[in-house]
Amino acid sequence: MKSLLVLLLFIFPVHAAIPSIINGNLINKTCKQTPYYELCVRSLISNPHSFNTDVKGLARIMILTIDAKATHALKHINNLLQRSSSYNSLSKKERRELKACADRYSVIIKGDVPQAIDAMRTGDYKFAEEGTYDAAAEAMSCEEEISGHHSQLSDMNMMVHDVSVVAGSIVQIILSS
């Protein structure tokens, strides 16, 4: 009886880990087909759902990551705008640039991400891919708009761009299969 219990205790953890190992390989294989391998792996392994899904699920997770990163950037922009109006710390030009960036991030959050999520749900992967690349373009437009100030926002722009490109690359994998 003791040996059976020991055997069960050994087999269960190994058996429970098999899906994680298999999907860890799926994550690795998928991310190798994207331009930002490390970012892809880091983003996917930080989400526990990525270990029990397929490539379509990985694409959805990355699209939700776009949403999270864009929401974070928009909150940062709004905080900068709010603080600047309290302390008059930004020029009119900088405020205008930040407002333009806020508009771009609103487009990502309210337009591009919902488009991509809905398209994934309906199987219109080309439209999903378009939504992810539109998000990448919006982030780069913000980057061009701020013309070098606000290094933290610049980092956020690059992150949203790169995550969007990874999401689009994963959708391309689905399109090519």
Foldseek 3Di string as FASTA:
>chain_A
DVVVVVVCVVVVVVVVCVLQVVLLVQQQVLLVLFPDNVLSSVQQVVDPVSSNDHLLVSLLSLLVVLLVLLVVLLVVLVVVLVVCVVVVPDDPLQNVLSVLLNVLSCCLNVPLSVQLNVCSVVVVLVSNLVSLQSQLVSLVVSLVSNPPPDVVSNVSSVSSNRSSRSSSSSSVVVVVD
